């Protein structure tokens, strides 16, 4: 090792799942979408389901509320304009009228 240089102890740069700036942009857009939707008080649960042709984001609300659905639609539009992947679908399910057997298998991301 040359004089005046020391090993930082950090080792080589770690290449992670978001090493590409475009991937980081996509992740940031998803986080913004989830954050905006989760700030709507009527939202009780957010689920993610995978299909062969894409991804479905399921938004469950405690009751039907057009104003809340409008806020969710605005967040979705911002996401679609930013960097939505092909095959992305967002579903809003107001109330508890949907039988669980009618829903696709999903991962619950957030729940109150």
N, C-alpha and C. Protein backbone atom coordinates (compact mmCIF):
# COMPACT_ATOMS: atom_id res chain seq x y z
N UNK A 1 0.86 -1.16 0.00
CA UNK A 1 0.00 0.00 0.00
C UNK A 1 0.90 1.22 0.00
N UNK A 2 0.58 2.18 -0.83
CA UNK A 2 1.39 3.39 -0.96
C UNK A 2 1.24 4.25 0.30
N UNK A 3 2.28 5.03 0.56
CA UNK A 3 2.24 5.94 1.69
C UNK A 3 1.12 6.95 1.48
N UNK A 4 0.39 7.22 2.51
CA UNK A 4 -0.70 8.19 2.43
C UNK A 4 -2.03 7.58 2.03
N UNK A 5 -2.05 6.30 1.68
CA UNK A 5 -3.33 5.66 1.37
C UNK A 5 -3.57 4.56 2.38
N UNK A 6 -4.75 4.46 2.82
CA UNK A 6 -5.11 3.42 3.77
C UNK A 6 -6.40 2.76 3.31
N UNK A 7 -6.54 1.53 3.64
CA UNK A 7 -7.77 0.83 3.32
C UNK A 7 -8.90 1.44 4.14
N UNK A 8 -10.01 1.62 3.53
CA UNK A 8 -11.15 2.22 4.24
C UNK A 8 -11.86 1.22 5.12
N UNK A 9 -11.62 -0.05 4.89
CA UNK A 9 -12.32 -1.07 5.64
C UNK A 9 -13.69 -1.38 5.08
N UNK A 10 -14.08 -0.64 4.06
CA UNK A 10 -15.40 -0.84 3.48
C UNK A 10 -15.39 -1.91 2.39
N UNK A 11 -14.27 -2.17 1.83
CA UNK A 11 -14.20 -3.13 0.75
C UNK A 11 -14.75 -2.53 -0.54
N UNK A 12 -14.90 -3.35 -1.56
CA UNK A 12 -15.41 -2.83 -2.82
C UNK A 12 -16.88 -2.42 -2.71
N UNK A 13 -17.30 -1.58 -3.62
CA UNK A 13 -18.70 -1.16 -3.62
C UNK A 13 -19.60 -2.37 -3.71
N UNK A 14 -20.65 -2.34 -2.95
CA UNK A 14 -21.61 -3.44 -2.97
C UNK A 14 -22.65 -3.14 -4.03
N UNK A 15 -22.83 -4.08 -4.91
CA UNK A 15 -23.84 -3.92 -5.94
C UNK A 15 -25.10 -4.58 -5.41
N UNK A 16 -26.11 -3.76 -5.17
CA UNK A 16 -27.35 -4.28 -4.61
C UNK A 16 -28.44 -4.39 -5.65
N UNK A 17 -29.62 -4.66 -5.21
CA UNK A 17 -30.73 -4.85 -6.14
C UNK A 17 -31.11 -3.57 -6.88
N UNK A 18 -30.71 -2.40 -6.37
CA UNK A 18 -31.06 -1.14 -7.02
C UNK A 18 -29.81 -0.37 -7.40
N UNK A 19 -28.85 -1.07 -7.97
CA UNK A 19 -27.60 -0.42 -8.33
C UNK A 19 -27.75 0.47 -9.56
N UNK A 20 -28.78 0.26 -10.33
CA UNK A 20 -29.03 1.03 -11.53
C UNK A 20 -29.92 2.24 -11.17
N UNK A 21 -29.57 3.45 -11.59
CA UNK A 21 -30.40 4.63 -11.28
C UNK A 21 -31.84 4.49 -11.77
N UNK A 22 -32.06 3.82 -12.88
CA UNK A 22 -33.43 3.63 -13.38
C UNK A 22 -34.23 2.77 -12.42
N UNK A 23 -33.59 1.75 -11.84
CA UNK A 23 -34.28 0.90 -10.87
C UNK A 23 -34.63 1.71 -9.63
N UNK A 24 -33.72 2.56 -9.19
CA UNK A 24 -33.98 3.40 -8.02
C UNK A 24 -35.15 4.34 -8.29
N UNK A 25 -35.24 4.85 -9.51
CA UNK A 25 -36.34 5.73 -9.90
C UNK A 25 -37.67 4.97 -9.80
N UNK A 26 -37.68 3.72 -10.27
CA UNK A 26 -38.89 2.90 -10.20
C UNK A 26 -39.29 2.62 -8.76
N UNK A 27 -38.31 2.31 -7.92
CA UNK A 27 -38.59 2.04 -6.51
C UNK A 27 -39.14 3.29 -5.84
N UNK A 28 -38.55 4.43 -6.13
CA UNK A 28 -39.02 5.68 -5.53
C UNK A 28 -40.46 5.97 -5.94
N UNK A 29 -40.80 5.69 -7.19
CA UNK A 29 -42.17 5.92 -7.66
C UNK A 29 -43.17 5.02 -6.93
N UNK A 30 -42.81 3.76 -6.70
CA UNK A 30 -43.68 2.83 -5.98
C UNK A 30 -43.86 3.28 -4.53
N UNK A 31 -42.77 3.70 -3.90
CA UNK A 31 -42.85 4.16 -2.51
C UNK A 31 -43.75 5.39 -2.42
N UNK A 32 -43.62 6.32 -3.38
CA UNK A 32 -44.50 7.50 -3.38
C UNK A 32 -45.96 7.08 -3.54
N UNK A 33 -46.23 6.14 -4.45
CA UNK A 33 -47.60 5.66 -4.65
C UNK A 33 -48.17 5.08 -3.37
N UNK A 34 -47.44 4.17 -2.75
CA UNK A 34 -47.92 3.54 -1.52
C UNK A 34 -48.11 4.56 -0.40
N UNK A 35 -47.19 5.51 -0.30
CA UNK A 35 -47.28 6.53 0.74
C UNK A 35 -48.52 7.40 0.54
N UNK A 36 -48.74 7.84 -0.70
CA UNK A 36 -49.90 8.69 -0.98
C UNK A 36 -51.20 7.95 -0.70
N UNK A 37 -51.28 6.70 -1.11
CA UNK A 37 -52.50 5.93 -0.88
C UNK A 37 -52.71 5.68 0.61
N UNK A 38 -51.64 5.37 1.34
CA UNK A 38 -51.77 5.04 2.76
C UNK A 38 -52.16 6.25 3.60
N UNK A 39 -51.95 7.46 3.08
CA UNK A 39 -52.36 8.66 3.83
C UNK A 39 -53.87 8.90 3.75
N UNK A 40 -54.56 8.18 2.88
CA UNK A 40 -56.02 8.31 2.79
C UNK A 40 -56.61 7.53 3.96
N UNK A 41 -57.28 8.20 4.90
CA UNK A 41 -57.74 7.54 6.12
C UNK A 41 -58.69 6.36 5.90
N UNK A 42 -59.45 6.38 4.82
CA UNK A 42 -60.41 5.31 4.56
C UNK A 42 -59.75 4.01 4.10
N UNK A 43 -58.49 4.08 3.71
CA UNK A 43 -57.78 2.88 3.26
C UNK A 43 -57.43 2.02 4.46
N UNK A 44 -57.84 0.76 4.43
CA UNK A 44 -57.60 -0.14 5.56
C UNK A 44 -56.53 -1.19 5.27
N UNK A 45 -56.31 -1.47 3.98
CA UNK A 45 -55.36 -2.52 3.64
C UNK A 45 -54.88 -2.32 2.21
N UNK A 46 -53.60 -2.64 1.96
CA UNK A 46 -53.04 -2.62 0.62
C UNK A 46 -52.40 -3.98 0.37
N UNK A 47 -52.80 -4.62 -0.72
CA UNK A 47 -52.27 -5.93 -1.07
C UNK A 47 -51.66 -5.93 -2.46
N UNK A 48 -50.75 -6.86 -2.67
CA UNK A 48 -50.06 -6.99 -3.95
C UNK A 48 -50.24 -8.41 -4.47
N UNK A 49 -50.74 -8.53 -5.70
CA UNK A 49 -50.95 -9.84 -6.31
C UNK A 49 -50.21 -9.87 -7.65
N UNK A 50 -49.55 -10.98 -7.91
CA UNK A 50 -48.82 -11.14 -9.17
C UNK A 50 -49.66 -11.97 -10.14
N UNK A 51 -49.65 -11.54 -11.39
CA UNK A 51 -50.29 -12.27 -12.48
C UNK A 51 -49.21 -12.62 -13.49
N UNK A 52 -49.53 -13.48 -14.44
CA UNK A 52 -48.57 -13.80 -15.49
C UNK A 52 -48.23 -12.57 -16.32
N UNK A 53 -49.17 -11.67 -16.46
CA UNK A 53 -48.97 -10.51 -17.32
C UNK A 53 -48.66 -9.22 -16.56
N UNK A 54 -48.52 -9.28 -15.25
CA UNK A 54 -48.21 -8.07 -14.52
C UNK A 54 -48.51 -8.17 -13.04
N UNK A 55 -48.66 -7.00 -12.44
CA UNK A 55 -48.87 -6.89 -11.00
C UNK A 55 -50.15 -6.12 -10.72
N UNK A 56 -50.92 -6.60 -9.75
CA UNK A 56 -52.14 -5.92 -9.31
C UNK A 56 -51.91 -5.37 -7.90
N UNK A 57 -52.25 -4.12 -7.71
CA UNK A 57 -52.23 -3.51 -6.39
C UNK A 57 -53.68 -3.38 -5.95
N UNK A 58 -54.03 -4.00 -4.84
CA UNK A 58 -55.39 -3.98 -4.31
C UNK A 58 -55.47 -3.02 -3.14
N UNK A 59 -56.39 -2.08 -3.23
CA UNK A 59 -56.61 -1.09 -2.18
C UNK A 59 -57.97 -1.37 -1.56
N UNK A 60 -58.00 -1.66 -0.27
CA UNK A 60 -59.25 -1.94 0.44
C UNK A 60 -59.59 -0.73 1.30
N UNK A 61 -60.87 -0.35 1.26
CA UNK A 61 -61.34 0.77 2.05
C UNK A 61 -62.44 0.30 2.99
N UNK A 62 -62.60 1.02 4.08
CA UNK A 62 -63.61 0.65 5.07
C UNK A 62 -65.03 0.81 4.53
N UNK A 63 -65.23 1.77 3.64
CA UNK A 63 -66.54 2.01 3.05
C UNK A 63 -66.36 2.74 1.73
N UNK A 64 -67.41 2.78 0.96
CA UNK A 64 -67.34 3.49 -0.32
C UNK A 64 -67.28 4.99 -0.05
N UNK A 65 -66.29 5.64 -0.67
CA UNK A 65 -66.09 7.07 -0.47
C UNK A 65 -65.48 7.61 -1.76
N UNK A 66 -66.29 8.37 -2.51
CA UNK A 66 -65.84 8.86 -3.82
C UNK A 66 -64.66 9.82 -3.71
N UNK A 67 -64.65 10.63 -2.67
CA UNK A 67 -63.53 11.57 -2.50
C UNK A 67 -62.23 10.80 -2.25
N UNK A 68 -62.28 9.79 -1.41
CA UNK A 68 -61.10 8.97 -1.14
C UNK A 68 -60.65 8.23 -2.40
N UNK A 69 -61.62 7.71 -3.16
CA UNK A 69 -61.27 7.04 -4.41
C UNK A 69 -60.62 8.01 -5.39
N UNK A 70 -61.07 9.27 -5.36
CA UNK A 70 -60.46 10.29 -6.21
C UNK A 70 -59.00 10.53 -5.85
N UNK A 71 -58.71 10.56 -4.55
CA UNK A 71 -57.32 10.75 -4.10
C UNK A 71 -56.45 9.57 -4.53
N UNK A 72 -57.01 8.37 -4.45
CA UNK A 72 -56.28 7.17 -4.88
C UNK A 72 -56.03 7.23 -6.38
N UNK A 73 -57.02 7.67 -7.13
CA UNK A 73 -56.87 7.79 -8.59
C UNK A 73 -55.79 8.81 -8.96
N UNK A 74 -55.73 9.91 -8.22
CA UNK A 74 -54.68 10.91 -8.47
C UNK A 74 -53.29 10.32 -8.22
N UNK A 75 -53.16 9.57 -7.14
CA UNK A 75 -51.87 8.92 -6.84
C UNK A 75 -51.51 7.92 -7.93
N UNK A 76 -52.50 7.18 -8.38
CA UNK A 76 -52.26 6.20 -9.45
C UNK A 76 -51.81 6.91 -10.73
N UNK A 77 -52.47 8.00 -11.07
CA UNK A 77 -52.10 8.75 -12.29
C UNK A 77 -50.67 9.25 -12.20
N UNK A 78 -50.30 9.80 -11.05
CA UNK A 78 -48.91 10.26 -10.88
C UNK A 78 -47.93 9.11 -11.07
N UNK A 79 -48.27 7.95 -10.53
CA UNK A 79 -47.41 6.77 -10.66
C UNK A 79 -47.31 6.33 -12.12
N UNK A 80 -48.44 6.27 -12.79
CA UNK A 80 -48.44 5.84 -14.19
C UNK A 80 -47.62 6.80 -15.06
N UNK A 81 -47.68 8.08 -14.74
CA UNK A 81 -46.90 9.06 -15.49
C UNK A 81 -45.42 9.00 -15.16
N UNK A 82 -45.09 8.54 -13.97
CA UNK A 82 -43.69 8.48 -13.55
C UNK A 82 -42.96 7.28 -14.14
N UNK A 83 -43.48 6.09 -13.92
CA UNK A 83 -42.78 4.90 -14.42
C UNK A 83 -43.50 3.61 -14.09
N UNK A 84 -44.71 3.50 -14.51
CA UNK A 84 -45.45 2.27 -14.22
C UNK A 84 -44.95 1.13 -15.11
N UNK A 85 -44.77 -0.04 -14.53
CA UNK A 85 -44.36 -1.18 -15.35
C UNK A 85 -45.53 -1.65 -16.22
N UNK A 86 -45.22 -2.29 -17.33
CA UNK A 86 -46.31 -2.83 -18.14
C UNK A 86 -47.11 -3.85 -17.34
N UNK A 87 -48.41 -3.85 -17.51
CA UNK A 87 -49.25 -4.82 -16.83
C UNK A 87 -49.64 -4.42 -15.42
N UNK A 88 -49.38 -3.18 -15.02
CA UNK A 88 -49.75 -2.73 -13.68
C UNK A 88 -51.24 -2.39 -13.65
N UNK A 89 -51.96 -2.93 -12.66
CA UNK A 89 -53.36 -2.61 -12.46
C UNK A 89 -53.61 -2.28 -10.99
N UNK A 90 -54.42 -1.26 -10.76
CA UNK A 90 -54.79 -0.87 -9.40
C UNK A 90 -56.29 -1.09 -9.24
N UNK A 91 -56.67 -1.78 -8.18
CA UNK A 91 -58.08 -2.07 -7.89
C UNK A 91 -58.44 -1.45 -6.55
N UNK A 92 -59.59 -0.80 -6.49
CA UNK A 92 -60.09 -0.26 -5.23
C UNK A 92 -61.32 -1.08 -4.85
N UNK A 93 -61.28 -1.62 -3.64
CA UNK A 93 -62.38 -2.45 -3.13
C UNK A 93 -62.98 -1.77 -1.91
N UNK A 94 -64.06 -1.01 -2.12
CA UNK A 94 -64.68 -0.34 -0.97
C UNK A 94 -65.56 -1.30 -0.18
N UNK A 95 -65.56 -1.11 1.13
CA UNK A 95 -66.40 -1.92 1.99
C UNK A 95 -65.89 -3.33 2.15
N UNK A 96 -66.72 -4.17 2.70
CA UNK A 96 -66.33 -5.56 2.96
C UNK A 96 -67.22 -6.51 2.17
N UNK A 97 -67.71 -6.04 1.04
CA UNK A 97 -68.64 -6.85 0.24
C UNK A 97 -67.96 -7.94 -0.58
N UNK A 98 -66.67 -7.91 -0.71
CA UNK A 98 -65.97 -8.89 -1.53
C UNK A 98 -65.58 -10.08 -0.68
N UNK A 99 -66.03 -11.24 -1.08
CA UNK A 99 -65.68 -12.48 -0.36
C UNK A 99 -64.20 -12.78 -0.62
N UNK A 100 -63.46 -13.14 0.41
CA UNK A 100 -62.04 -13.45 0.23
C UNK A 100 -61.79 -14.50 -0.85
N UNK A 101 -62.73 -15.42 -1.04
CA UNK A 101 -62.56 -16.45 -2.06
C UNK A 101 -62.59 -15.87 -3.48
N UNK A 102 -63.11 -14.67 -3.64
CA UNK A 102 -63.17 -14.01 -4.95
C UNK A 102 -61.89 -13.25 -5.28
N UNK A 103 -61.02 -13.08 -4.30
CA UNK A 103 -59.79 -12.32 -4.50
C UNK A 103 -58.64 -13.25 -4.88
N UNK A 104 -57.68 -12.73 -5.63
CA UNK A 104 -56.51 -13.53 -5.95
C UNK A 104 -55.61 -13.66 -4.71
N UNK A 105 -54.75 -14.65 -4.69
CA UNK A 105 -53.77 -14.73 -3.58
C UNK A 105 -52.90 -13.48 -3.62
N UNK A 106 -52.67 -12.90 -2.48
CA UNK A 106 -51.87 -11.67 -2.46
C UNK A 106 -51.04 -11.57 -1.19
N UNK A 107 -50.05 -10.72 -1.28
CA UNK A 107 -49.23 -10.35 -0.13
C UNK A 107 -49.77 -9.05 0.42
N UNK A 108 -50.08 -9.03 1.70
CA UNK A 108 -50.57 -7.79 2.32
C UNK A 108 -49.35 -6.94 2.65
N UNK A 109 -49.32 -5.73 2.07
CA UNK A 109 -48.20 -4.82 2.30
C UNK A 109 -48.42 -3.97 3.54
N UNK A 110 -49.64 -3.46 3.69
CA UNK A 110 -49.98 -2.59 4.81
C UNK A 110 -51.40 -2.92 5.28
N UNK A 111 -51.62 -2.84 6.58
CA UNK A 111 -52.96 -3.08 7.11
C UNK A 111 -53.12 -2.32 8.42
N UNK A 112 -54.29 -1.66 8.58
CA UNK A 112 -54.58 -0.95 9.85
C UNK A 112 -55.57 -1.77 10.65
